Amino acid sequence: MDEHLFLKGQRVITPEGEGEVADAIGDKVVIKLDNGTTQTFSSNDVHDNNSAG
């Protein structure tokens, strides 16, 4: 089982840009993007930022 676990405040990369986890509910992750907006993504579309460069 490929389960993604995200913690509040965790830095992530989404299809809309970088941001941090505001909440995670089931397979949905609410992200506060660096541009100031908040969006909900499928956990499959969100990636941990710790592997970046």
N, C-alpha and C. Protein backbone atom coordinates (compact mmCIF):
# COMPACT_ATOMS: atom_id res chain seq x y z
N MET A 1 0.85 -1.19 0.00
CA MET A 1 0.00 0.00 0.00
C MET A 1 0.89 1.24 0.00
N ASP A 2 0.65 2.13 -0.95
CA ASP A 2 1.44 3.35 -1.08
C ASP A 2 0.71 4.48 -0.39
N GLU A 3 0.98 4.65 0.88
CA GLU A 3 0.27 5.67 1.66
C GLU A 3 1.17 6.87 1.88
N HIS A 4 0.62 8.06 1.62
CA HIS A 4 1.36 9.30 1.81
C HIS A 4 0.92 9.91 3.14
N LEU A 5 1.89 10.21 3.99
CA LEU A 5 1.58 10.84 5.27
C LEU A 5 2.18 12.24 5.28
N PHE A 6 1.35 13.22 5.51
CA PHE A 6 1.80 14.60 5.54
C PHE A 6 1.47 15.21 6.90
N LEU A 7 2.40 15.99 7.43
CA LEU A 7 2.22 16.63 8.72
C LEU A 7 1.97 18.11 8.53
N LYS A 8 1.15 18.69 9.40
CA LYS A 8 0.90 20.13 9.34
C LYS A 8 2.22 20.87 9.42
N GLY A 9 2.38 21.87 8.56
CA GLY A 9 3.59 22.66 8.54
C GLY A 9 4.68 22.10 7.64
N GLN A 10 4.49 20.88 7.16
CA GLN A 10 5.49 20.26 6.30
C GLN A 10 5.57 20.99 4.96
N ARG A 11 6.78 21.25 4.48
CA ARG A 11 6.99 21.88 3.18
C ARG A 11 6.79 20.84 2.09
N VAL A 12 6.01 21.21 1.08
CA VAL A 12 5.70 20.29 0.00
C VAL A 12 5.73 21.01 -1.34
N ILE A 13 5.71 20.20 -2.40
CA ILE A 13 5.63 20.71 -3.77
C ILE A 13 4.33 20.17 -4.37
N THR A 14 3.54 21.07 -4.97
CA THR A 14 2.26 20.70 -5.57
C THR A 14 2.29 21.08 -7.05
N PRO A 15 1.28 20.65 -7.81
CA PRO A 15 1.20 21.08 -9.22
C PRO A 15 1.09 22.60 -9.37
N GLU A 16 0.65 23.30 -8.31
CA GLU A 16 0.47 24.75 -8.36
C GLU A 16 1.64 25.52 -7.76
N GLY A 17 2.65 24.81 -7.28
CA GLY A 17 3.82 25.45 -6.69
C GLY A 17 4.10 24.92 -5.29
N GLU A 18 5.04 25.56 -4.62
CA GLU A 18 5.44 25.12 -3.29
C GLU A 18 4.55 25.74 -2.21
N GLY A 19 4.48 25.04 -1.08
CA GLY A 19 3.71 25.55 0.04
C GLY A 19 3.91 24.67 1.25
N GLU A 20 2.99 24.81 2.22
CA GLU A 20 3.07 23.97 3.41
C GLU A 20 1.70 23.39 3.72
N VAL A 21 1.75 22.22 4.36
CA VAL A 21 0.52 21.50 4.68
C VAL A 21 -0.25 22.26 5.76
N ALA A 22 -1.52 22.56 5.47
CA ALA A 22 -2.40 23.17 6.46
C ALA A 22 -3.23 22.10 7.16
N ASP A 23 -3.59 21.04 6.43
CA ASP A 23 -4.38 19.95 7.00
C ASP A 23 -4.32 18.77 6.04
N ALA A 24 -4.57 17.59 6.56
CA ALA A 24 -4.64 16.38 5.74
C ALA A 24 -5.83 15.57 6.19
N ILE A 25 -6.73 15.29 5.26
CA ILE A 25 -7.96 14.55 5.55
C ILE A 25 -8.07 13.41 4.56
N GLY A 26 -7.89 12.19 5.02
CA GLY A 26 -7.95 11.05 4.11
C GLY A 26 -6.89 11.18 3.04
N ASP A 27 -7.30 11.08 1.77
CA ASP A 27 -6.33 11.21 0.68
C ASP A 27 -6.27 12.62 0.13
N LYS A 28 -6.86 13.58 0.85
CA LYS A 28 -6.82 14.99 0.44
C LYS A 28 -5.90 15.75 1.37
N VAL A 29 -5.12 16.66 0.78
CA VAL A 29 -4.19 17.46 1.56
C VAL A 29 -4.46 18.93 1.26
N VAL A 30 -4.70 19.71 2.31
CA VAL A 30 -4.95 21.15 2.16
C VAL A 30 -3.60 21.85 2.29
N ILE A 31 -3.26 22.63 1.26
CA ILE A 31 -1.96 23.28 1.20
C ILE A 31 -2.13 24.79 1.17
N LYS A 32 -1.37 25.48 2.03
CA LYS A 32 -1.28 26.93 1.93
C LYS A 32 -0.07 27.22 1.05
N LEU A 33 -0.36 27.66 -0.17
CA LEU A 33 0.69 27.89 -1.14
C LEU A 33 1.48 29.16 -0.81
N ASP A 34 2.71 29.21 -1.29
CA ASP A 34 3.56 30.38 -1.03
C ASP A 34 2.98 31.65 -1.62
N ASN A 35 2.09 31.54 -2.61
CA ASN A 35 1.47 32.74 -3.19
C ASN A 35 0.31 33.26 -2.35
N GLY A 36 0.04 32.60 -1.20
CA GLY A 36 -0.97 33.07 -0.28
C GLY A 36 -2.32 32.40 -0.40
N THR A 37 -2.52 31.61 -1.45
CA THR A 37 -3.79 30.91 -1.61
C THR A 37 -3.76 29.57 -0.90
N THR A 38 -4.93 29.02 -0.64
CA THR A 38 -5.05 27.70 -0.05
C THR A 38 -5.81 26.82 -1.02
N GLN A 39 -5.27 25.64 -1.29
CA GLN A 39 -5.90 24.71 -2.22
C GLN A 39 -5.84 23.31 -1.65
N THR A 40 -6.76 22.47 -2.11
CA THR A 40 -6.80 21.07 -1.71
C THR A 40 -6.35 20.21 -2.88
N PHE A 41 -5.46 19.27 -2.60
CA PHE A 41 -4.91 18.38 -3.61
C PHE A 41 -5.07 16.94 -3.17
N SER A 42 -5.09 16.03 -4.13
CA SER A 42 -4.98 14.61 -3.82
C SER A 42 -3.58 14.37 -3.27
N SER A 43 -3.46 13.47 -2.32
CA SER A 43 -2.14 13.19 -1.75
C SER A 43 -1.17 12.68 -2.83
N ASN A 44 -1.69 12.12 -3.91
CA ASN A 44 -0.82 11.65 -5.00
C ASN A 44 -0.18 12.80 -5.76
N ASP A 45 -0.74 14.02 -5.64
CA ASP A 45 -0.24 15.18 -6.37
C ASP A 45 0.69 16.04 -5.53
N VAL A 46 0.90 15.64 -4.27
CA VAL A 46 1.72 16.42 -3.34
C VAL A 46 2.98 15.62 -3.02
N HIS A 47 4.13 16.31 -3.07
CA HIS A 47 5.40 15.63 -2.82
C HIS A 47 6.20 16.37 -1.77
N ASP A 48 6.83 15.60 -0.90
CA ASP A 48 7.68 16.17 0.14
C ASP A 48 8.78 17.01 -0.50
N ASN A 49 9.07 18.15 0.10
CA ASN A 49 10.06 19.07 -0.45
C ASN A 49 11.48 18.76 0.00
N ASN A 50 11.68 17.76 0.84
CA ASN A 50 13.02 17.53 1.39
C ASN A 50 13.99 16.93 0.38
N SER A 51 13.50 16.44 -0.75
CA SER A 51 14.39 15.86 -1.75
C SER A 51 14.82 16.89 -2.80
N ALA A 52 14.34 18.12 -2.68
CA ALA A 52 14.67 19.15 -3.66
C ALA A 52 16.12 19.61 -3.47
N GLY A 53 16.84 19.70 -4.61
CA GLY A 53 18.18 20.21 -4.71
C GLY A 53 19.00 20.10 -3.49
